Amino acid sequence: MKNALKPLAWVLGLATGLVLIGCAGTQTKESTGEMIDNSAITAKVKAALVDDPSVSAMQIKVNTFKGVVQLSGFVDTAQQKERAQKIAEGIDGVKEVKNDLVVKSEVSKASR
């Protein structure tokens, strides 16, 4: 009976190892834990933006990958762009903020 269980133990061990490897992250893919952490960071940033009356949160998209928050979308003023970045930088777990927000007045100047 012991000999019959040995191959089964190996198969189960191999399957467990493959599952754990499948959950690991790479440079271009998040691990399961990182995905959960990043989702929490994104939610905290969005909530903080909504709570701040000086920022138009509905116009700002927030994405997080490996602790790096990317802000994108359009804002009305340069002050809103700066404020959004400061808010994101103040959230626990944020390693860096990439501020790709565009000020609407700059867009209209460029199109003239």
C-alpha atoms as a PDB file:
ATOM      1  CA  MET A   1       0.000   0.000   0.000  1.00  0.00           C
ATOM      2  CA  LYS A   2       2.878   2.360   0.786  1.00  0.00           C
ATOM      3  CA  ASN A   3       4.293   1.915  -2.701  1.00  0.00           C
ATOM      4  CA  ALA A   4       0.935   2.755  -4.291  1.00  0.00           C
ATOM      5  CA  LEU A   5       0.699   6.048  -2.383  1.00  0.00           C
ATOM      6  CA  LYS A   6       4.194   7.218  -3.327  1.00  0.00           C
ATOM      7  CA  PRO A   7       3.325   8.149  -6.953  1.00  0.00           C
ATOM      8  CA  LEU A   8       0.144   9.838  -5.750  1.00  0.00           C
ATOM      9  CA  ALA A   9       2.151  11.920  -3.276  1.00  0.00           C
ATOM     10  CA  TRP A  10       4.523  12.963  -6.058  1.00  0.00           C
ATOM     11  CA  VAL A  11       1.652  13.949  -8.335  1.00  0.00           C
ATOM     12  CA  LEU A  12      -0.022  15.959  -5.583  1.00  0.00           C
ATOM     13  CA  GLY A  13       3.271  17.636  -4.699  1.00  0.00           C
ATOM     14  CA  LEU A  14       3.933  18.507  -8.333  1.00  0.00           C
ATOM     15  CA  ALA A  15       0.403  19.853  -8.803  1.00  0.00           C
ATOM     16  CA  THR A  16       0.738  22.012  -5.684  1.00  0.00           C
ATOM     17  CA  GLY A  17       4.066  23.359  -6.887  1.00  0.00           C
ATOM     18  CA  LEU A  18       2.637  24.232 -10.286  1.00  0.00           C
ATOM     19  CA  VAL A  19      -0.305  26.042  -8.692  1.00  0.00           C
ATOM     20  CA  LEU A  20       2.042  28.088  -6.521  1.00  0.00           C
ATOM     21  CA  ILE A  21       4.251  28.937  -9.481  1.00  0.00           C
ATOM     22  CA  GLY A  22       1.164  29.978 -11.440  1.00  0.00           C
ATOM     23  CA  CYS A  23       0.325  32.510  -8.711  1.00  0.00           C
ATOM     24  CA  ALA A  24       3.787  34.066  -8.756  1.00  0.00           C
ATOM     25  CA  GLY A  25       4.359  37.427 -10.391  1.00  0.00           C
ATOM     26  CA  THR A  26       6.799  38.452 -13.083  1.00  0.00           C
ATOM     27  CA  GLN A  27       7.915  41.846 -14.387  1.00  0.00           C
ATOM     28  CA  THR A  28       4.857  42.060 -16.625  1.00  0.00           C
ATOM     29  CA  LYS A  29       2.360  40.041 -14.563  1.00  0.00           C
ATOM     30  CA  GLU A  30       1.148  40.533 -11.018  1.00  0.00           C
ATOM     31  CA  SER A  31       1.000  37.741  -8.505  1.00  0.00           C
ATOM     32  CA  THR A  32      -2.360  37.026  -6.902  1.00  0.00           C
ATOM     33  CA  GLY A  33      -1.327  38.862  -3.732  1.00  0.00           C
ATOM     34  CA  GLU A  34      -0.054  41.858  -5.703  1.00  0.00           C
ATOM     35  CA  MET A  35      -3.309  42.003  -7.652  1.00  0.00           C
ATOM     36  CA  ILE A  36      -5.271  42.158  -4.402  1.00  0.00           C
ATOM     37  CA  ASP A  37      -2.926  44.784  -2.941  1.00  0.00           C
ATOM     38  CA  ASN A  38      -3.095  46.877  -6.107  1.00  0.00           C
ATOM     39  CA  SER A  39      -6.885  46.688  -6.173  1.00  0.00           C
ATOM     40  CA  ALA A  40      -6.954  47.962  -2.600  1.00  0.00           C
ATOM     41  CA  ILE A  41      -4.555  50.805  -3.445  1.00  0.00           C
ATOM     42  CA  THR A  42      -6.662  51.782  -6.468  1.00  0.00           C
ATOM     43  CA  ALA A  43      -9.814  51.820  -4.338  1.00  0.00           C
ATOM     44  CA  LYS A  44      -8.144  53.943  -1.645  1.00  0.00           C
ATOM     45  CA  VAL A  45      -6.852  56.456  -4.201  1.00  0.00           C
ATOM     46  CA  LYS A  46     -10.260  56.722  -5.888  1.00  0.00           C
ATOM     47  CA  ALA A  47     -11.997  57.188  -2.525  1.00  0.00           C
ATOM     48  CA  ALA A  48      -9.517  59.889  -1.494  1.00  0.00           C
ATOM     49  CA  LEU A  49     -10.019  61.698  -4.819  1.00  0.00           C
ATOM     50  CA  VAL A  50     -13.805  61.584  -4.373  1.00  0.00           C
ATOM     51  CA  ASP A  51     -13.463  62.956  -0.822  1.00  0.00           C
ATOM     52  CA  ASP A  52     -11.457  65.960  -2.004  1.00  0.00           C
ATOM     53  CA  PRO A  53     -13.774  68.734  -3.253  1.00  0.00           C
ATOM     54  CA  SER A  54     -11.010  70.470  -5.215  1.00  0.00           C
ATOM     55  CA  VAL A  55     -10.503  67.498  -7.566  1.00  0.00           C
ATOM     56  CA  SER A  56     -12.973  66.331 -10.194  1.00  0.00           C
ATOM     57  CA  ALA A  57     -12.657  62.624  -9.425  1.00  0.00           C
ATOM     58  CA  MET A  58     -15.146  61.514 -12.095  1.00  0.00           C
ATOM     59  CA  GLN A  59     -12.709  62.619 -14.810  1.00  0.00           C
ATOM     60  CA  ILE A  60      -9.709  60.761 -13.364  1.00  0.00           C
ATOM     61  CA  LYS A  61      -8.898  57.104 -14.042  1.00  0.00           C
ATOM     62  CA  VAL A  62      -6.686  55.267 -11.570  1.00  0.00           C
ATOM     63  CA  ASN A  63      -4.685  52.128 -12.381  1.00  0.00           C
ATOM     64  CA  THR A  64      -2.154  50.416 -10.126  1.00  0.00           C
ATOM     65  CA  PHE A  65       0.535  47.905 -11.091  1.00  0.00           C
ATOM     66  CA  LYS A  66       3.066  46.652  -8.531  1.00  0.00           C
ATOM     67  CA  GLY A  67       2.421  49.657  -6.283  1.00  0.00           C
ATOM     68  CA  VAL A  68       2.844  52.226  -9.062  1.00  0.00           C
ATOM     69  CA  VAL A  69      -0.282  54.340  -9.481  1.00  0.00           C
ATOM     70  CA  GLN A  70      -1.080  55.827 -12.877  1.00  0.00           C
ATOM     71  CA  LEU A  71      -3.465  58.761 -13.040  1.00  0.00           C
ATOM     72  CA  SER A  72      -5.001  59.497 -16.434  1.00  0.00           C
ATOM     73  CA  GLY A  73      -7.837  61.560 -17.838  1.00  0.00           C
ATOM     74  CA  PHE A  74      -8.604  65.261 -17.974  1.00  0.00           C
ATOM     75  CA  VAL A  75      -8.727  67.939 -15.287  1.00  0.00           C
ATOM     76  CA  ASP A  76      -9.735  71.592 -15.452  1.00  0.00           C
ATOM     77  CA  THR A  77      -6.627  73.173 -13.903  1.00  0.00           C
ATOM     78  CA  ALA A  78      -2.958  72.520 -13.216  1.00  0.00           C
ATOM     79  CA  GLN A  79      -3.776  72.795  -9.503  1.00  0.00           C
ATOM     80  CA  GLN A  80      -6.192  69.853  -9.808  1.00  0.00           C
ATOM     81  CA  LYS A  81      -3.482  67.827 -11.547  1.00  0.00           C
ATOM     82  CA  GLU A  82      -0.982  68.566  -8.767  1.00  0.00           C
ATOM     83  CA  ARG A  83      -3.555  67.927  -6.023  1.00  0.00           C
ATOM     84  CA  ALA A  84      -4.514  64.550  -7.511  1.00  0.00           C
ATOM     85  CA  GLN A  85      -0.861  63.514  -7.502  1.00  0.00           C
ATOM     86  CA  LYS A  86      -0.374  64.610  -3.878  1.00  0.00           C
ATOM     87  CA  ILE A  87      -3.478  62.673  -2.838  1.00  0.00           C
ATOM     88  CA  ALA A  88      -2.240  59.505  -4.566  1.00  0.00           C
ATOM     89  CA  GLU A  89       1.245  59.874  -3.068  1.00  0.00           C
ATOM     90  CA  GLY A  90      -0.298  60.034   0.414  1.00  0.00           C
ATOM     91  CA  ILE A  91      -1.920  56.594   0.187  1.00  0.00           C
ATOM     92  CA  ASP A  92      -0.240  53.705   2.024  1.00  0.00           C
ATOM     93  CA  GLY A  93       1.361  51.193  -0.333  1.00  0.00           C
ATOM     94  CA  VAL A  94       1.922  53.641  -3.195  1.00  0.00           C
ATOM     95  CA  LYS A  95       5.532  53.379  -4.367  1.00  0.00           C
ATOM     96  CA  GLU A  96       5.332  55.897  -7.205  1.00  0.00           C
ATOM     97  CA  VAL A  97       2.757  58.015  -9.037  1.00  0.00           C
ATOM     98  CA  LYS A  98       2.781  58.472 -12.806  1.00  0.00           C
ATOM     99  CA  ASN A  99       0.693  61.552 -13.418  1.00  0.00           C
ATOM    100  CA  ASP A 100      -0.605  61.399 -16.993  1.00  0.00           C
ATOM    101  CA  LEU A 101      -3.468  63.800 -16.320  1.00  0.00           C
ATOM    102  CA  VAL A 102      -4.040  66.393 -19.025  1.00  0.00           C
ATOM    103  CA  VAL A 103      -5.180  69.930 -18.242  1.00  0.00           C
ATOM    104  CA  LYS A 104      -8.063  70.832 -20.559  1.00  0.00           C
ATOM    105  CA  SER A 105      -6.810  74.367 -21.184  1.00  0.00           C
ATOM    106  CA  GLU A 106      -3.482  72.950 -22.421  1.00  0.00           C
ATOM    107  CA  VAL A 107      -5.325  70.782 -24.922  1.00  0.00           C
ATOM    108  CA  SER A 108      -7.252  73.725 -26.348  1.00  0.00           C
ATOM    109  CA  LYS A 109      -4.027  75.791 -26.640  1.00  0.00           C
ATOM    110  CA  ALA A 110      -2.299  72.968 -28.515  1.00  0.00           C
ATOM    111  CA  SER A 111      -5.143  72.619 -31.001  1.00  0.00           C
ATOM    112  CA  ARG A 112      -5.052  76.303 -32.028  1.00  0.00           C
END
